Amino acid sequence: MPSVTRPSRSRPKREEIVRRLVEAVENELGAGTPYTEISVLRIAEKAEIARSTFYLHFPDKSRLLIAVADEALQGLFDAAAEWWAADHGDGPAGVERAMTAMLAVYRTHPRVLRALAEVSYYDEEVGTYWLGKVGAFVETEQRRLEQEQSAGTVGADVDCANTARLLASMVERTISLHCAASGPEADPAMAKALARSIWLTVYG
């Protein structure tokens, strides 16, 4: 007797499910719901998947936030890292362009990045992830400061490690607070102010 091939139901692939979950979280945050108040059930419903399917892909909300943050952080530090690797021959204008690019990326996902910073204070896994992202950028800054110091273009009294940490924290917190309090029309002035502060800190 010939075998009968039953049509199989097509199941969403992992990439599609993750995309839906990320979109659901961003929509909930965009509606003003704090991340701590968004339940797994709510996220699953908004993503149009079963709660059990959520747990097949993420053990908890912390891992999902990290996945969402990976999407949002794409490119946040890239422009600044490129400036630190450049020759700095154009003065503060180069760092101003980098700050403008960082502000533009932050504007795309402001609530996700604020949720990441908030949750990182009390969630060890999210905190480790965030510190790793910021730490990699700090290392880039520190290496460049040390190179400049060896070349004599940065003062011998500059503490490269702590200055790198200070600059990274200053930029991240300033952009976060600025975007929460002001609209995009205020970004050019903030980019200029950040650029001047960074340039004077590095080169005096």
N, C-alpha and C. Protein backbone atom coordinates (compact mmCIF):
# COMPACT_ATOMS: atom_id res chain seq x y z
N MET A 1 0.85 -1.20 0.00
CA MET A 1 0.00 0.00 0.00
C MET A 1 0.88 1.24 0.00
N PRO A 2 0.66 2.15 -0.89
CA PRO A 2 1.54 3.32 -0.95
C PRO A 2 1.41 4.16 0.31
N SER A 3 2.54 4.72 0.75
CA SER A 3 2.55 5.55 1.96
C SER A 3 1.93 6.91 1.65
N VAL A 4 1.31 7.45 2.66
CA VAL A 4 0.68 8.76 2.52
C VAL A 4 1.53 9.79 3.26
N THR A 5 1.96 10.80 2.56
CA THR A 5 2.75 11.87 3.19
C THR A 5 1.80 12.94 3.70
N ARG A 6 1.81 13.09 5.03
CA ARG A 6 0.93 14.09 5.63
C ARG A 6 1.58 15.48 5.56
N PRO A 7 0.81 16.46 5.17
CA PRO A 7 1.37 17.81 5.17
C PRO A 7 1.71 18.25 6.59
N SER A 8 2.91 18.75 6.80
CA SER A 8 3.32 19.18 8.14
C SER A 8 3.04 20.66 8.31
N ARG A 9 2.67 21.00 9.52
CA ARG A 9 2.46 22.41 9.81
C ARG A 9 3.81 23.12 9.83
N SER A 10 3.87 24.24 9.19
CA SER A 10 5.13 24.98 9.21
C SER A 10 5.24 25.72 10.54
N ARG A 11 6.35 25.54 11.21
CA ARG A 11 6.58 26.20 12.49
C ARG A 11 7.52 27.37 12.28
N PRO A 12 7.29 28.44 13.01
CA PRO A 12 8.21 29.59 12.87
C PRO A 12 9.63 29.18 13.25
N LYS A 13 10.58 29.66 12.50
CA LYS A 13 11.97 29.38 12.82
C LYS A 13 12.39 30.21 14.03
N ARG A 14 13.52 29.81 14.63
CA ARG A 14 14.01 30.51 15.82
C ARG A 14 14.18 32.00 15.55
N GLU A 15 14.76 32.33 14.39
CA GLU A 15 15.02 33.74 14.08
C GLU A 15 13.71 34.55 14.08
N GLU A 16 12.66 33.95 13.54
CA GLU A 16 11.37 34.62 13.48
C GLU A 16 10.79 34.80 14.87
N ILE A 17 10.90 33.77 15.71
CA ILE A 17 10.37 33.85 17.07
C ILE A 17 11.11 34.92 17.87
N VAL A 18 12.44 34.91 17.77
CA VAL A 18 13.24 35.90 18.49
C VAL A 18 12.88 37.31 18.01
N ARG A 19 12.70 37.46 16.70
CA ARG A 19 12.34 38.77 16.16
C ARG A 19 11.01 39.24 16.75
N ARG A 20 10.05 38.33 16.84
CA ARG A 20 8.74 38.69 17.40
C ARG A 20 8.86 39.09 18.87
N LEU A 21 9.66 38.33 19.62
CA LEU A 21 9.83 38.63 21.04
C LEU A 21 10.51 39.97 21.25
N VAL A 22 11.55 40.24 20.47
CA VAL A 22 12.25 41.52 20.56
C VAL A 22 11.30 42.66 20.24
N GLU A 23 10.52 42.48 19.19
CA GLU A 23 9.56 43.52 18.77
C GLU A 23 8.51 43.74 19.86
N ALA A 24 8.06 42.65 20.48
CA ALA A 24 7.04 42.76 21.53
C ALA A 24 7.58 43.56 22.72
N VAL A 25 8.81 43.28 23.13
CA VAL A 25 9.40 43.99 24.25
C VAL A 25 9.58 45.47 23.92
N GLU A 26 10.08 45.75 22.73
CA GLU A 26 10.29 47.15 22.35
C GLU A 26 8.96 47.91 22.29
N ASN A 27 7.90 47.25 21.82
CA ASN A 27 6.59 47.90 21.77
C ASN A 27 6.05 48.19 23.17
N GLU A 28 6.23 47.24 24.08
CA GLU A 28 5.76 47.44 25.45
C GLU A 28 6.54 48.56 26.14
N LEU A 29 7.85 48.58 25.94
CA LEU A 29 8.66 49.66 26.51
C LEU A 29 8.28 51.00 25.87
N GLY A 30 8.01 50.96 24.57
CA GLY A 30 7.61 52.17 23.87
C GLY A 30 6.29 52.72 24.36
N ALA A 31 5.43 51.84 24.88
CA ALA A 31 4.14 52.27 25.44
C ALA A 31 4.29 52.80 26.85
N GLY A 32 5.51 52.76 27.38
CA GLY A 32 5.77 53.32 28.70
C GLY A 32 5.75 52.32 29.85
N THR A 33 5.64 51.02 29.55
CA THR A 33 5.63 50.01 30.61
C THR A 33 7.05 49.72 31.07
N PRO A 34 7.36 49.86 32.36
CA PRO A 34 8.71 49.51 32.86
C PRO A 34 9.01 48.04 32.60
N TYR A 35 10.26 47.74 32.31
CA TYR A 35 10.61 46.36 31.97
C TYR A 35 10.25 45.39 33.09
N THR A 36 10.43 45.82 34.34
CA THR A 36 10.14 44.94 35.47
C THR A 36 8.67 44.57 35.55
N GLU A 37 7.80 45.36 34.93
CA GLU A 37 6.36 45.10 34.99
C GLU A 37 5.83 44.34 33.78
N ILE A 38 6.70 44.04 32.83
CA ILE A 38 6.28 43.29 31.65
C ILE A 38 6.45 41.80 31.94
N SER A 39 5.36 41.06 32.00
CA SER A 39 5.45 39.64 32.33
C SER A 39 5.81 38.81 31.10
N VAL A 40 6.31 37.61 31.35
CA VAL A 40 6.61 36.69 30.26
C VAL A 40 5.34 36.37 29.49
N LEU A 41 4.23 36.19 30.21
CA LEU A 41 2.95 35.90 29.54
C LEU A 41 2.57 37.03 28.60
N ARG A 42 2.73 38.27 29.06
CA ARG A 42 2.39 39.43 28.23
C ARG A 42 3.27 39.47 26.98
N ILE A 43 4.56 39.23 27.15
CA ILE A 43 5.49 39.24 26.01
C ILE A 43 5.10 38.16 25.01
N ALA A 44 4.81 36.96 25.51
CA ALA A 44 4.43 35.85 24.63
C ALA A 44 3.14 36.17 23.88
N GLU A 45 2.17 36.74 24.57
CA GLU A 45 0.91 37.10 23.91
C GLU A 45 1.13 38.11 22.80
N LYS A 46 1.93 39.13 23.09
CA LYS A 46 2.20 40.17 22.10
C LYS A 46 2.99 39.61 20.91
N ALA A 47 3.82 38.62 21.17
CA ALA A 47 4.60 37.99 20.09
C ALA A 47 3.81 36.91 19.37
N GLU A 48 2.60 36.62 19.87
CA GLU A 48 1.72 35.61 19.30
C GLU A 48 2.36 34.22 19.29
N ILE A 49 2.93 33.89 20.45
CA ILE A 49 3.49 32.55 20.64
C ILE A 49 3.02 32.04 22.00
N ALA A 50 3.16 30.74 22.21
CA ALA A 50 2.81 30.16 23.50
C ALA A 50 3.88 30.50 24.53
N ARG A 51 3.47 30.58 25.79
CA ARG A 51 4.45 30.86 26.85
C ARG A 51 5.53 29.78 26.88
N SER A 52 5.13 28.54 26.62
CA SER A 52 6.11 27.44 26.61
C SER A 52 7.15 27.63 25.50
N THR A 53 6.73 28.25 24.39
CA THR A 53 7.66 28.52 23.29
C THR A 53 8.69 29.56 23.71
N PHE A 54 8.24 30.55 24.49
CA PHE A 54 9.19 31.54 25.03
C PHE A 54 10.31 30.83 25.76
N TYR A 55 9.94 29.90 26.66
CA TYR A 55 10.94 29.23 27.50
C TYR A 55 11.80 28.25 26.72
N LEU A 56 11.36 27.87 25.52
CA LEU A 56 12.23 27.06 24.67
C LEU A 56 13.42 27.87 24.17
N HIS A 57 13.25 29.18 24.09
CA HIS A 57 14.29 30.04 23.52
C HIS A 57 15.03 30.87 24.56
N PHE A 58 14.34 31.20 25.66
CA PHE A 58 14.97 32.00 26.70
C PHE A 58 14.60 31.45 28.07
N PRO A 59 15.57 31.27 28.97
CA PRO A 59 15.24 30.75 30.29
C PRO A 59 14.48 31.74 31.16
N ASP A 60 14.64 33.04 30.87
CA ASP A 60 13.98 34.06 31.68
C ASP A 60 14.00 35.40 30.94
N LYS A 61 13.44 36.43 31.58
CA LYS A 61 13.38 37.76 30.96
C LYS A 61 14.76 38.40 30.84
N SER A 62 15.68 38.03 31.71
CA SER A 62 17.02 38.61 31.66
C SER A 62 17.71 38.27 30.34
N ARG A 63 17.60 37.01 29.95
CA ARG A 63 18.23 36.60 28.69
C ARG A 63 17.55 37.27 27.50
N LEU A 64 16.25 37.47 27.59
CA LEU A 64 15.56 38.15 26.50
C LEU A 64 16.02 39.61 26.42
N LEU A 65 16.16 40.28 27.56
CA LEU A 65 16.62 41.67 27.55
C LEU A 65 17.99 41.78 26.92
N ILE A 66 18.84 40.81 27.17
CA ILE A 66 20.18 40.82 26.56
C ILE A 66 20.06 40.69 25.05
N ALA A 67 19.15 39.83 24.59
CA ALA A 67 18.94 39.68 23.15
C ALA A 67 18.40 40.97 22.54
N VAL A 68 17.46 41.61 23.25
CA VAL A 68 16.91 42.88 22.77
C VAL A 68 18.01 43.93 22.74
N ALA A 69 18.83 43.96 23.78
CA ALA A 69 19.91 44.94 23.86
C ALA A 69 20.93 44.75 22.75
N ASP A 70 21.20 43.50 22.39
CA ASP A 70 22.14 43.24 21.29
C ASP A 70 21.67 43.93 20.01
N GLU A 71 20.36 43.88 19.78
CA GLU A 71 19.80 44.56 18.61
C GLU A 71 19.98 46.07 18.75
N ALA A 72 19.65 46.59 19.94
CA ALA A 72 19.66 48.03 20.15
C ALA A 72 21.07 48.61 20.19
N LEU A 73 22.02 47.83 20.70
CA LEU A 73 23.39 48.34 20.86
C LEU A 73 24.20 48.30 19.58
N GLN A 74 23.64 47.67 18.56
CA GLN A 74 24.36 47.56 17.29
C GLN A 74 24.76 48.96 16.81
N GLY A 75 26.01 49.23 16.79
CA GLY A 75 26.49 50.50 16.27
C GLY A 75 26.61 51.61 17.29
N LEU A 76 26.13 51.40 18.55
CA LEU A 76 26.18 52.49 19.53
C LEU A 76 27.60 52.96 19.78
N PHE A 77 28.50 52.01 19.99
CA PHE A 77 29.88 52.37 20.31
C PHE A 77 30.78 52.44 19.08
N ASP A 78 30.25 52.00 17.91
CA ASP A 78 31.10 51.89 16.73
C ASP A 78 31.72 53.22 16.31
N ALA A 79 30.89 54.26 16.23
CA ALA A 79 31.39 55.56 15.76
C ALA A 79 32.44 56.11 16.70
N ALA A 80 32.20 55.99 18.01
CA ALA A 80 33.18 56.49 18.98
C ALA A 80 34.46 55.67 18.91
N ALA A 81 34.33 54.36 18.74
CA ALA A 81 35.53 53.51 18.64
C ALA A 81 36.34 53.88 17.40
N GLU A 82 35.65 54.21 16.31
CA GLU A 82 36.35 54.63 15.09
C GLU A 82 37.13 55.92 15.33
N TRP A 83 36.52 56.85 16.11
CA TRP A 83 37.23 58.10 16.40
C TRP A 83 38.48 57.84 17.22
N TRP A 84 38.36 56.96 18.20
CA TRP A 84 39.53 56.66 19.02
C TRP A 84 40.64 56.00 18.20
N ALA A 85 40.28 55.33 17.12
CA ALA A 85 41.29 54.67 16.27
C ALA A 85 41.83 55.60 15.19
N ALA A 86 41.19 56.77 14.98
CA ALA A 86 41.59 57.69 13.92
C ALA A 86 42.80 58.53 14.34
N ASP A 87 43.26 59.42 13.42
CA ASP A 87 44.47 60.21 13.73
C ASP A 87 44.18 61.50 14.50
N HIS A 88 42.91 61.88 14.65
CA HIS A 88 42.51 63.06 15.43
C HIS A 88 43.06 64.36 14.86
N GLY A 89 43.40 64.33 13.58
CA GLY A 89 43.96 65.52 12.97
C GLY A 89 42.95 66.64 12.76
N ASP A 90 41.65 66.33 12.80
CA ASP A 90 40.64 67.36 12.57
C ASP A 90 40.11 67.96 13.86
N GLY A 91 40.80 67.70 14.97
CA GLY A 91 40.41 68.32 16.23
C GLY A 91 39.07 67.85 16.77
N PRO A 92 38.39 68.72 17.51
CA PRO A 92 37.11 68.32 18.12
C PRO A 92 36.02 67.95 17.11
N ALA A 93 36.17 68.37 15.85
CA ALA A 93 35.13 68.07 14.85
C ALA A 93 34.94 66.57 14.68
N GLY A 94 36.02 65.82 14.75
CA GLY A 94 35.92 64.36 14.59
C GLY A 94 35.14 63.72 15.72
N VAL A 95 35.42 64.11 16.94
CA VAL A 95 34.70 63.53 18.07
C VAL A 95 33.25 64.02 18.09
N GLU A 96 33.00 65.22 17.58
CA GLU A 96 31.62 65.71 17.48
C GLU A 96 30.81 64.83 16.52
N ARG A 97 31.41 64.42 15.42
CA ARG A 97 30.72 63.52 14.49
C ARG A 97 30.42 62.19 15.16
N ALA A 98 31.36 61.70 15.97
CA ALA A 98 31.16 60.43 16.67
C ALA A 98 30.02 60.54 17.67
N MET A 99 29.97 61.65 18.39
CA MET A 99 28.88 61.85 19.37
C MET A 99 27.53 62.00 18.67
N THR A 100 27.53 62.65 17.53
CA THR A 100 26.29 62.78 16.75
C THR A 100 25.78 61.41 16.34
N ALA A 101 26.69 60.53 15.91
CA ALA A 101 26.29 59.18 15.50
C ALA A 101 25.77 58.38 16.70
N MET A 102 26.42 58.51 17.86
CA MET A 102 25.96 57.80 19.05
C MET A 102 24.56 58.27 19.47
N LEU A 103 24.34 59.56 19.42
CA LEU A 103 23.02 60.10 19.76
C LEU A 103 21.95 59.56 18.81
N ALA A 104 22.28 59.46 17.53
CA ALA A 104 21.31 58.96 16.55
C ALA A 104 20.95 57.51 16.83
N VAL A 105 21.95 56.69 17.19
CA VAL A 105 21.67 55.28 17.50
C VAL A 105 20.83 55.18 18.76
N TYR A 106 21.19 55.97 19.77
CA TYR A 106 20.44 55.92 21.03
C TYR A 106 18.99 56.33 20.82
N ARG A 107 18.77 57.31 19.96
CA ARG A 107 17.40 57.77 19.68
C ARG A 107 16.54 56.65 19.10
N THR A 108 17.15 55.67 18.46
CA THR A 108 16.40 54.59 17.83
C THR A 108 15.81 53.64 18.86
N HIS A 109 16.52 53.43 19.97
CA HIS A 109 16.07 52.47 20.99
C HIS A 109 16.23 53.04 22.40
N PRO A 110 15.72 54.22 22.70
CA PRO A 110 16.02 54.83 24.00
C PRO A 110 15.50 54.04 25.20
N ARG A 111 14.28 53.52 25.09
CA ARG A 111 13.71 52.83 26.25
C ARG A 111 14.38 51.49 26.50
N VAL A 112 14.79 50.82 25.44
CA VAL A 112 15.50 49.54 25.61
C VAL A 112 16.82 49.78 26.33
N LEU A 113 17.56 50.81 25.92
CA LEU A 113 18.86 51.06 26.51
C LEU A 113 18.73 51.57 27.94
N ARG A 114 17.68 52.34 28.23
CA ARG A 114 17.46 52.75 29.62
C ARG A 114 17.08 51.56 30.48
N ALA A 115 16.26 50.64 29.93
CA ALA A 115 15.90 49.43 30.68
C ALA A 115 17.14 48.59 30.95
N LEU A 116 18.02 48.49 29.99
CA LEU A 116 19.25 47.72 30.16
C LEU A 116 20.08 48.29 31.29
N ALA A 117 20.27 49.62 31.29
CA ALA A 117 21.06 50.26 32.33
C ALA A 117 20.41 50.08 33.70
N GLU A 118 19.08 50.18 33.75
CA GLU A 118 18.36 50.05 35.03
C GLU A 118 18.47 48.63 35.57
N VAL A 119 18.15 47.64 34.73
CA VAL A 119 18.13 46.25 35.19
C VAL A 119 19.53 45.77 35.55
N SER A 120 20.56 46.33 34.91
CA SER A 120 21.94 45.90 35.17
C SER A 120 22.36 46.15 36.61
N TYR A 121 21.67 47.06 37.31
CA TYR A 121 22.03 47.37 38.70
C TYR A 121 21.67 46.24 39.65
N TYR A 122 20.59 45.50 39.36
CA TYR A 122 20.15 44.48 40.31
C TYR A 122 20.10 43.07 39.72
N ASP A 123 20.33 42.92 38.43
CA ASP A 123 20.34 41.59 37.81
C ASP A 123 21.78 41.26 37.43
N GLU A 124 22.34 40.25 38.06
CA GLU A 124 23.76 39.94 37.87
C GLU A 124 24.09 39.59 36.42
N GLU A 125 23.24 38.81 35.79
CA GLU A 125 23.51 38.39 34.42
C GLU A 125 23.48 39.57 33.46
N VAL A 126 22.47 40.42 33.59
CA VAL A 126 22.38 41.61 32.74
C VAL A 126 23.52 42.57 33.06
N GLY A 127 23.86 42.69 34.35
CA GLY A 127 24.96 43.56 34.75
C GLY A 127 26.28 43.12 34.16
N THR A 128 26.53 41.81 34.16
CA THR A 128 27.77 41.28 33.58
C THR A 128 27.82 41.56 32.08
N TYR A 129 26.69 41.40 31.41
CA TYR A 129 26.61 41.67 29.97
C TYR A 129 26.93 43.14 29.69
N TRP A 130 26.26 44.05 30.42
CA TRP A 130 26.43 45.48 30.18
C TRP A 130 27.86 45.94 30.50
N LEU A 131 28.40 45.45 31.62
CA LEU A 131 29.77 45.81 31.97
C LEU A 131 30.76 45.30 30.93
N GLY A 132 30.45 44.15 30.33
CA GLY A 132 31.32 43.63 29.28
C GLY A 132 31.31 44.52 28.05
N LYS A 133 30.12 45.02 27.68
CA LYS A 133 30.02 45.92 26.53
C LYS A 133 30.76 47.22 26.78
N VAL A 134 30.49 47.83 27.94
CA VAL A 134 31.15 49.09 28.27
C VAL A 134 32.64 48.88 28.49
N GLY A 135 32.99 47.75 29.13
CA GLY A 135 34.39 47.46 29.41
C GLY A 135 35.23 47.33 28.15
N ALA A 136 34.67 46.74 27.11
CA ALA A 136 35.40 46.61 25.84
C ALA A 136 35.69 47.99 25.25
N PHE A 137 34.73 48.91 25.39
CA PHE A 137 34.93 50.26 24.89
C PHE A 137 35.97 51.01 25.73
N VAL A 138 35.93 50.81 27.04
CA VAL A 138 36.91 51.43 27.93
C VAL A 138 38.32 50.98 27.57
N GLU A 139 38.48 49.70 27.26
CA GLU A 139 39.79 49.19 26.87
C GLU A 139 40.30 49.87 25.61
N THR A 140 39.40 50.10 24.64
CA THR A 140 39.79 50.81 23.41
C THR A 140 40.28 52.21 23.74
N GLU A 141 39.56 52.92 24.60
CA GLU A 141 39.97 54.26 25.00
C GLU A 141 41.30 54.24 25.73
N GLN A 142 41.44 53.31 26.66
CA GLN A 142 42.66 53.26 27.47
C GLN A 142 43.89 53.00 26.61
N ARG A 143 43.78 52.05 25.67
CA ARG A 143 44.92 51.76 24.79
C ARG A 143 45.33 53.00 24.01
N ARG A 144 44.36 53.74 23.49
CA ARG A 144 44.70 54.93 22.71
C ARG A 144 45.34 56.01 23.59
N LEU A 145 44.81 56.20 24.79
CA LEU A 145 45.39 57.17 25.70
C LEU A 145 46.84 56.81 26.03
N GLU A 146 47.10 55.54 26.24
CA GLU A 146 48.46 55.09 26.55
C GLU A 146 49.40 55.31 25.36
N GLN A 147 48.89 55.07 24.15
CA GLN A 147 49.69 55.32 22.95
C GLN A 147 50.01 56.80 22.80
N GLU A 148 49.00 57.64 23.02
CA GLU A 148 49.19 59.08 22.92
C GLU A 148 50.16 59.57 24.00
N GLN A 149 50.06 58.98 25.17
CA GLN A 149 50.95 59.36 26.26
C GLN A 149 52.39 59.01 25.92
N SER A 150 52.60 57.83 25.34
CA SER A 150 53.95 57.41 24.93
C SER A 150 54.49 58.33 23.85
N ALA A 151 53.59 58.84 22.99
CA ALA A 151 54.02 59.73 21.91
C ALA A 151 54.20 61.16 22.38
N GLY A 152 53.80 61.45 23.62
CA GLY A 152 53.96 62.79 24.16
C GLY A 152 52.83 63.75 23.85
N THR A 153 51.75 63.26 23.25
CA THR A 153 50.63 64.15 22.91
C THR A 153 49.58 64.21 24.02
N VAL A 154 49.68 63.31 24.98
CA VAL A 154 48.84 63.35 26.18
C VAL A 154 49.77 63.47 27.37
N GLY A 155 49.40 64.31 28.33
CA GLY A 155 50.26 64.60 29.46
C GLY A 155 50.66 63.35 30.25
N ALA A 156 51.87 63.39 30.78
CA ALA A 156 52.38 62.26 31.56
C ALA A 156 51.61 62.06 32.86
N ASP A 157 50.92 63.11 33.33
CA ASP A 157 50.18 63.02 34.58
C ASP A 157 48.77 62.46 34.41
N VAL A 158 48.37 62.15 33.17
CA VAL A 158 47.02 61.61 32.92
C VAL A 158 46.96 60.15 33.35
N ASP A 159 46.00 59.81 34.17
CA ASP A 159 45.74 58.43 34.59
C ASP A 159 44.88 57.79 33.49
N CYS A 160 45.53 57.04 32.62
CA CYS A 160 44.83 56.54 31.42
C CYS A 160 43.66 55.62 31.75
N ALA A 161 43.84 54.71 32.72
CA ALA A 161 42.79 53.75 33.03
C ALA A 161 41.56 54.45 33.59
N ASN A 162 41.75 55.32 34.57
CA ASN A 162 40.61 55.99 35.19
C ASN A 162 40.00 57.05 34.26
N THR A 163 40.82 57.68 33.44
CA THR A 163 40.28 58.65 32.49
C THR A 163 39.39 57.96 31.47
N ALA A 164 39.80 56.77 31.02
CA ALA A 164 38.99 56.00 30.07
C ALA A 164 37.64 55.64 30.69
N ARG A 165 37.67 55.21 31.95
CA ARG A 165 36.41 54.86 32.63
C ARG A 165 35.53 56.10 32.78
N LEU A 166 36.15 57.20 33.16
CA LEU A 166 35.40 58.45 33.33
C LEU A 166 34.71 58.87 32.04
N LEU A 167 35.46 58.85 30.93
CA LEU A 167 34.90 59.29 29.65
C LEU A 167 33.76 58.38 29.20
N ALA A 168 33.93 57.07 29.33
CA ALA A 168 32.88 56.13 28.91
C ALA A 168 31.61 56.34 29.73
N SER A 169 31.77 56.50 31.06
CA SER A 169 30.61 56.71 31.92
C SER A 169 29.94 58.04 31.62
N MET A 170 30.76 59.08 31.42
CA MET A 170 30.22 60.40 31.14
C MET A 170 29.38 60.39 29.87
N VAL A 171 29.89 59.78 28.83
CA VAL A 171 29.18 59.77 27.55
C VAL A 171 27.88 58.97 27.66
N GLU A 172 27.96 57.78 28.26
CA GLU A 172 26.77 56.93 28.36
C GLU A 172 25.68 57.58 29.18
N ARG A 173 26.01 58.10 30.36
CA ARG A 173 25.00 58.70 31.22
C ARG A 173 24.47 60.01 30.65
N THR A 174 25.36 60.80 30.08
CA THR A 174 24.93 62.08 29.52
C THR A 174 23.95 61.88 28.37
N ILE A 175 24.28 60.95 27.48
CA ILE A 175 23.38 60.69 26.35
C ILE A 175 22.03 60.15 26.83
N SER A 176 22.07 59.24 27.81
CA SER A 176 20.84 58.68 28.35
C SER A 176 19.95 59.76 28.95
N LEU A 177 20.52 60.60 29.80
CA LEU A 177 19.74 61.65 30.46
C LEU A 177 19.28 62.70 29.45
N HIS A 178 20.15 63.02 28.51
CA HIS A 178 19.80 64.02 27.50
C HIS A 178 18.61 63.56 26.66
N CYS A 179 18.65 62.31 26.19
CA CYS A 179 17.58 61.80 25.33
C CYS A 179 16.27 61.66 26.09
N ALA A 180 16.34 61.44 27.41
CA ALA A 180 15.12 61.35 28.21
C ALA A 180 14.48 62.72 28.42
N ALA A 181 15.32 63.76 28.42
CA ALA A 181 14.82 65.10 28.76
C ALA A 181 14.60 66.01 27.56
N SER A 182 15.24 65.69 26.42
CA SER A 182 15.20 66.60 25.27
C SER A 182 14.88 65.86 23.98
N GLY A 183 14.40 66.61 23.01
CA GLY A 183 14.11 66.05 21.70
C GLY A 183 15.33 66.08 20.80
N PRO A 184 15.24 65.47 19.62
CA PRO A 184 16.37 65.39 18.69
C PRO A 184 16.91 66.75 18.25
N GLU A 185 16.06 67.77 18.33
CA GLU A 185 16.52 69.10 17.91
C GLU A 185 17.65 69.62 18.81
N ALA A 186 17.76 69.07 20.01
CA ALA A 186 18.81 69.49 20.95
C ALA A 186 20.10 68.69 20.79
N ASP A 187 20.09 67.68 19.92
CA ASP A 187 21.25 66.79 19.80
C ASP A 187 22.51 67.48 19.28
N PRO A 188 22.43 68.37 18.27
CA PRO A 188 23.67 69.01 17.79
C PRO A 188 24.43 69.76 18.88
N ALA A 189 23.71 70.49 19.72
CA ALA A 189 24.37 71.22 20.80
C ALA A 189 24.99 70.27 21.81
N MET A 190 24.30 69.17 22.11
CA MET A 190 24.85 68.19 23.05
C MET A 190 26.08 67.50 22.46
N ALA A 191 26.03 67.16 21.18
CA ALA A 191 27.19 66.53 20.53
C ALA A 191 28.40 67.45 20.60
N LYS A 192 28.18 68.75 20.38
CA LYS A 192 29.27 69.72 20.44
C LYS A 192 29.83 69.83 21.86
N ALA A 193 28.93 69.87 22.86
CA ALA A 193 29.38 69.99 24.25
C ALA A 193 30.16 68.75 24.69
N LEU A 194 29.66 67.57 24.31
CA LEU A 194 30.38 66.34 24.64
C LEU A 194 31.75 66.32 23.97
N ALA A 195 31.78 66.71 22.70
CA ALA A 195 33.04 66.71 21.95
C ALA A 195 34.07 67.62 22.61
N ARG A 196 33.65 68.82 23.01
CA ARG A 196 34.57 69.75 23.65
C ARG A 196 35.09 69.19 24.96
N SER A 197 34.20 68.60 25.76
CA SER A 197 34.60 68.04 27.05
C SER A 197 35.59 66.89 26.87
N ILE A 198 35.32 66.01 25.91
CA ILE A 198 36.22 64.88 25.66
C ILE A 198 37.57 65.37 25.17
N TRP A 199 37.55 66.32 24.23
CA TRP A 199 38.81 66.81 23.67
C TRP A 199 39.67 67.48 24.74
N LEU A 200 39.06 68.30 25.57
CA LEU A 200 39.82 69.00 26.62
C LEU A 200 40.32 68.01 27.68
N THR A 201 39.54 67.00 27.98
CA THR A 201 39.98 65.99 28.93
C THR A 201 41.21 65.23 28.42
N VAL A 202 41.17 64.91 27.12
CA VAL A 202 42.28 64.13 26.54
C VAL A 202 43.51 64.99 26.27
N TYR A 203 43.28 66.14 25.63
CA TYR A 203 44.41 66.95 25.15
C TYR A 203 44.65 68.24 25.93
N GLY A 204 43.76 68.54 26.87
CA GLY A 204 44.00 69.72 27.72
C GLY A 204 43.79 71.02 27.02
